[in-house]
Amino acid sequence: MPTLYLDMNVYKRPFDDQRQMRIRLETVAITMIFAMIDDGQFSACWSFVLDYENSRDPVPERREFVEYLSRCCETSVAPDESIRELARRLSEV
């Protein structure tokens, strides 16, 4: 089964202004992806970066919604030394 890593903008898209057709279509597509994850057709991966980004959302309802979705993820990426080293190298460039 394919595993998906979704950026935070995907989790937050349903809260964007749905009057724009593109936003509305993206929201429908994202809802379908979440349904396919729930149905077992895909699995989802969460990460410590998504936790951090979500914690910075000032709107409790959006934060709680994403926390709920995060519990549907089968795997999670935790920080480790290889990630820290990569971040150090990238910050030096």
N, C-alpha and C. Protein backbone atom coordinates (compact mmCIF):
# COMPACT_ATOMS: atom_id res chain seq x y z
N MET A 1 0.84 -1.16 0.00
CA MET A 1 0.00 0.00 0.00
C MET A 1 0.90 1.25 0.00
N PRO A 2 0.61 2.20 -0.86
CA PRO A 2 1.41 3.43 -0.92
C PRO A 2 1.26 4.25 0.36
N THR A 3 2.36 4.85 0.78
CA THR A 3 2.35 5.74 1.93
C THR A 3 2.50 7.17 1.46
N LEU A 4 1.65 8.05 1.98
CA LEU A 4 1.66 9.45 1.60
C LEU A 4 2.16 10.31 2.74
N TYR A 5 2.99 11.28 2.40
CA TYR A 5 3.37 12.33 3.35
C TYR A 5 2.75 13.61 2.82
N LEU A 6 1.83 14.18 3.58
CA LEU A 6 1.10 15.36 3.15
C LEU A 6 1.61 16.58 3.90
N ASP A 7 1.82 17.67 3.17
CA ASP A 7 2.23 18.92 3.81
C ASP A 7 1.08 19.50 4.61
N MET A 8 1.42 20.40 5.51
CA MET A 8 0.40 21.00 6.38
C MET A 8 -0.67 21.74 5.58
N ASN A 9 -0.29 22.33 4.45
CA ASN A 9 -1.30 23.04 3.66
C ASN A 9 -2.42 22.11 3.20
N VAL A 10 -2.14 20.84 3.05
CA VAL A 10 -3.17 19.88 2.67
C VAL A 10 -4.15 19.69 3.82
N TYR A 11 -3.63 19.54 5.01
CA TYR A 11 -4.49 19.35 6.18
C TYR A 11 -5.35 20.58 6.47
N LYS A 12 -4.83 21.76 6.14
CA LYS A 12 -5.54 23.01 6.43
C LYS A 12 -6.44 23.48 5.29
N ARG A 13 -6.34 22.88 4.10
CA ARG A 13 -7.11 23.35 2.94
C ARG A 13 -8.62 23.43 3.19
N PRO A 14 -9.24 22.51 3.89
CA PRO A 14 -10.69 22.64 4.12
C PRO A 14 -11.11 23.91 4.85
N PHE A 15 -10.16 24.60 5.50
CA PHE A 15 -10.47 25.82 6.23
C PHE A 15 -10.28 27.08 5.39
N ASP A 16 -9.79 26.92 4.17
CA ASP A 16 -9.59 28.07 3.30
C ASP A 16 -10.91 28.51 2.67
N ASP A 17 -10.90 29.69 2.08
CA ASP A 17 -12.09 30.28 1.47
C ASP A 17 -12.56 29.41 0.31
N GLN A 18 -13.69 28.74 0.49
CA GLN A 18 -14.20 27.78 -0.49
C GLN A 18 -14.95 28.45 -1.64
N ARG A 19 -15.01 29.78 -1.67
CA ARG A 19 -15.68 30.45 -2.78
C ARG A 19 -14.88 30.39 -4.07
N GLN A 20 -13.58 30.15 -3.96
CA GLN A 20 -12.75 30.00 -5.16
C GLN A 20 -12.84 28.57 -5.65
N MET A 21 -13.12 28.41 -6.93
CA MET A 21 -13.30 27.07 -7.51
C MET A 21 -12.08 26.18 -7.30
N ARG A 22 -10.89 26.71 -7.50
CA ARG A 22 -9.67 25.91 -7.34
C ARG A 22 -9.55 25.39 -5.91
N ILE A 23 -9.84 26.25 -4.95
CA ILE A 23 -9.76 25.85 -3.54
C ILE A 23 -10.80 24.78 -3.24
N ARG A 24 -11.99 24.97 -3.76
CA ARG A 24 -13.07 24.00 -3.54
C ARG A 24 -12.72 22.64 -4.14
N LEU A 25 -12.17 22.63 -5.37
CA LEU A 25 -11.78 21.37 -6.01
C LEU A 25 -10.64 20.68 -5.25
N GLU A 26 -9.69 21.46 -4.80
CA GLU A 26 -8.60 20.88 -4.01
C GLU A 26 -9.13 20.29 -2.71
N THR A 27 -10.09 20.95 -2.10
CA THR A 27 -10.69 20.44 -0.86
C THR A 27 -11.40 19.12 -1.12
N VAL A 28 -12.11 19.02 -2.23
CA VAL A 28 -12.79 17.76 -2.58
C VAL A 28 -11.75 16.66 -2.78
N ALA A 29 -10.68 16.98 -3.51
CA ALA A 29 -9.63 15.98 -3.76
C ALA A 29 -8.98 15.54 -2.45
N ILE A 30 -8.72 16.47 -1.57
CA ILE A 30 -8.10 16.14 -0.29
C ILE A 30 -9.03 15.29 0.56
N THR A 31 -10.30 15.62 0.54
CA THR A 31 -11.29 14.83 1.28
C THR A 31 -11.31 13.40 0.76
N MET A 32 -11.19 13.24 -0.56
CA MET A 32 -11.15 11.90 -1.16
C MET A 32 -9.89 11.15 -0.72
N ILE A 33 -8.77 11.85 -0.66
CA ILE A 33 -7.52 11.22 -0.21
C ILE A 33 -7.67 10.76 1.24
N PHE A 34 -8.23 11.61 2.10
CA PHE A 34 -8.44 11.21 3.49
C PHE A 34 -9.37 9.99 3.58
N ALA A 35 -10.39 9.95 2.73
CA ALA A 35 -11.31 8.80 2.72
C ALA A 35 -10.57 7.54 2.28
N MET A 36 -9.66 7.66 1.31
CA MET A 36 -8.90 6.50 0.85
C MET A 36 -7.91 6.03 1.92
N ILE A 37 -7.39 6.96 2.70
CA ILE A 37 -6.52 6.57 3.83
C ILE A 37 -7.36 5.83 4.87
N ASP A 38 -8.52 6.37 5.17
CA ASP A 38 -9.41 5.74 6.14
C ASP A 38 -9.86 4.35 5.68
N ASP A 39 -10.01 4.20 4.37
CA ASP A 39 -10.45 2.93 3.79
C ASP A 39 -9.31 1.91 3.64
N GLY A 40 -8.07 2.35 3.88
CA GLY A 40 -6.94 1.44 3.79
C GLY A 40 -6.31 1.35 2.42
N GLN A 41 -6.70 2.19 1.48
CA GLN A 41 -6.10 2.18 0.15
C GLN A 41 -4.73 2.84 0.15
N PHE A 42 -4.53 3.79 1.05
CA PHE A 42 -3.25 4.46 1.27
C PHE A 42 -2.97 4.45 2.76
N SER A 43 -1.72 4.64 3.11
CA SER A 43 -1.40 4.93 4.50
C SER A 43 -0.77 6.32 4.52
N ALA A 44 -0.76 6.93 5.67
CA ALA A 44 -0.20 8.28 5.79
C ALA A 44 0.91 8.29 6.82
N CYS A 45 1.86 9.17 6.58
CA CYS A 45 3.00 9.34 7.47
C CYS A 45 2.95 10.74 8.07
N TRP A 46 3.16 10.83 9.36
CA TRP A 46 3.17 12.09 10.10
C TRP A 46 4.62 12.42 10.45
N SER A 47 4.89 13.62 10.92
CA SER A 47 6.25 13.95 11.34
C SER A 47 6.26 14.98 12.45
N PHE A 48 7.39 15.08 13.10
CA PHE A 48 7.58 16.07 14.16
C PHE A 48 7.47 17.49 13.59
N VAL A 49 7.80 17.68 12.33
CA VAL A 49 7.68 19.00 11.70
C VAL A 49 6.21 19.39 11.58
N LEU A 50 5.37 18.45 11.20
CA LEU A 50 3.93 18.73 11.12
C LEU A 50 3.37 19.05 12.50
N ASP A 51 3.85 18.34 13.53
CA ASP A 51 3.43 18.65 14.90
C ASP A 51 3.75 20.10 15.24
N TYR A 52 4.97 20.50 14.91
CA TYR A 52 5.39 21.87 15.21
C TYR A 52 4.54 22.88 14.44
N GLU A 53 4.39 22.66 13.13
CA GLU A 53 3.60 23.60 12.32
C GLU A 53 2.17 23.71 12.86
N ASN A 54 1.58 22.59 13.18
CA ASN A 54 0.20 22.62 13.67
C ASN A 54 0.11 23.33 15.03
N SER A 55 1.11 23.16 15.86
CA SER A 55 1.08 23.80 17.18
C SER A 55 1.11 25.33 17.06
N ARG A 56 1.55 25.85 15.93
CA ARG A 56 1.64 27.29 15.72
C ARG A 56 0.33 27.89 15.20
N ASP A 57 -0.66 27.06 14.88
CA ASP A 57 -1.94 27.55 14.39
C ASP A 57 -2.70 28.21 15.54
N PRO A 58 -3.07 29.49 15.38
CA PRO A 58 -3.74 30.19 16.48
C PRO A 58 -5.22 29.82 16.65
N VAL A 59 -5.78 29.06 15.71
CA VAL A 59 -7.21 28.74 15.76
C VAL A 59 -7.38 27.33 16.32
N PRO A 60 -7.94 27.19 17.53
CA PRO A 60 -8.05 25.88 18.18
C PRO A 60 -8.79 24.84 17.33
N GLU A 61 -9.85 25.21 16.64
CA GLU A 61 -10.62 24.23 15.86
C GLU A 61 -9.79 23.63 14.74
N ARG A 62 -9.00 24.46 14.07
CA ARG A 62 -8.12 23.94 13.00
C ARG A 62 -7.06 23.04 13.58
N ARG A 63 -6.45 23.48 14.69
CA ARG A 63 -5.41 22.68 15.35
C ARG A 63 -5.95 21.32 15.77
N GLU A 64 -7.13 21.32 16.39
CA GLU A 64 -7.73 20.06 16.87
C GLU A 64 -8.11 19.14 15.71
N PHE A 65 -8.60 19.71 14.61
CA PHE A 65 -8.95 18.91 13.43
C PHE A 65 -7.71 18.19 12.89
N VAL A 66 -6.61 18.92 12.78
CA VAL A 66 -5.38 18.31 12.26
C VAL A 66 -4.82 17.29 13.25
N GLU A 67 -4.93 17.56 14.55
CA GLU A 67 -4.50 16.57 15.55
C GLU A 67 -5.30 15.28 15.39
N TYR A 68 -6.60 15.41 15.14
CA TYR A 68 -7.45 14.24 14.91
C TYR A 68 -6.95 13.46 13.68
N LEU A 69 -6.69 14.18 12.59
CA LEU A 69 -6.22 13.51 11.37
C LEU A 69 -4.85 12.87 11.58
N SER A 70 -4.02 13.47 12.41
CA SER A 70 -2.69 12.92 12.64
C SER A 70 -2.76 11.53 13.27
N ARG A 71 -3.82 11.27 14.00
CA ARG A 71 -3.96 9.95 14.64
C ARG A 71 -4.29 8.85 13.62
N CYS A 72 -4.65 9.25 12.41
CA CYS A 72 -4.92 8.27 11.35
C CYS A 72 -3.64 7.82 10.65
N CYS A 73 -2.54 8.50 10.94
CA CYS A 73 -1.26 8.17 10.29
C CYS A 73 -0.67 6.93 10.94
N GLU A 74 -0.22 6.02 10.08
CA GLU A 74 0.32 4.75 10.58
C GLU A 74 1.77 4.87 11.04
N THR A 75 2.50 5.80 10.44
CA THR A 75 3.90 5.97 10.80
C THR A 75 4.16 7.44 11.12
N SER A 76 5.27 7.66 11.81
CA SER A 76 5.65 9.02 12.16
C SER A 76 7.17 9.13 12.10
N VAL A 77 7.63 10.26 11.58
CA VAL A 77 9.07 10.52 11.51
C VAL A 77 9.45 11.35 12.72
N ALA A 78 10.41 10.84 13.48
CA ALA A 78 10.90 11.55 14.66
C ALA A 78 12.25 12.17 14.31
N PRO A 79 12.62 13.23 15.01
CA PRO A 79 13.94 13.83 14.74
C PRO A 79 15.04 12.85 15.12
N ASP A 80 16.06 12.82 14.32
CA ASP A 80 17.23 12.01 14.66
C ASP A 80 18.49 12.74 14.19
N GLU A 81 19.62 12.17 14.46
CA GLU A 81 20.88 12.86 14.18
C GLU A 81 21.09 13.10 12.68
N SER A 82 20.65 12.20 11.82
CA SER A 82 20.84 12.42 10.37
C SER A 82 20.02 13.62 9.89
N ILE A 83 18.85 13.81 10.44
CA ILE A 83 18.02 14.97 10.08
C ILE A 83 18.67 16.24 10.61
N ARG A 84 19.16 16.20 11.83
CA ARG A 84 19.84 17.38 12.40
C ARG A 84 21.07 17.76 11.59
N GLU A 85 21.84 16.75 11.19
CA GLU A 85 23.05 17.02 10.40
C GLU A 85 22.70 17.62 9.04
N LEU A 86 21.69 17.10 8.40
CA LEU A 86 21.24 17.66 7.13
C LEU A 86 20.80 19.12 7.31
N ALA A 87 20.07 19.40 8.37
CA ALA A 87 19.62 20.76 8.64
C ALA A 87 20.82 21.69 8.87
N ARG A 88 21.83 21.21 9.57
CA ARG A 88 23.04 22.01 9.78
C ARG A 88 23.71 22.34 8.45
N ARG A 89 23.87 21.32 7.60
CA ARG A 89 24.51 21.53 6.30
C ARG A 89 23.72 22.50 5.44
N LEU A 90 22.41 22.35 5.43
CA LEU A 90 21.58 23.24 4.61
C LEU A 90 21.60 24.67 5.12
N SER A 91 21.72 24.85 6.42
CA SER A 91 21.73 26.21 6.98
C SER A 91 23.06 26.92 6.70
N GLU A 92 24.08 26.16 6.38
CA GLU A 92 25.40 26.76 6.09
C GLU A 92 25.49 27.26 4.65
N VAL A 93 24.61 26.83 3.81
CA VAL A 93 24.67 27.20 2.38
C VAL A 93 24.26 28.62 2.16
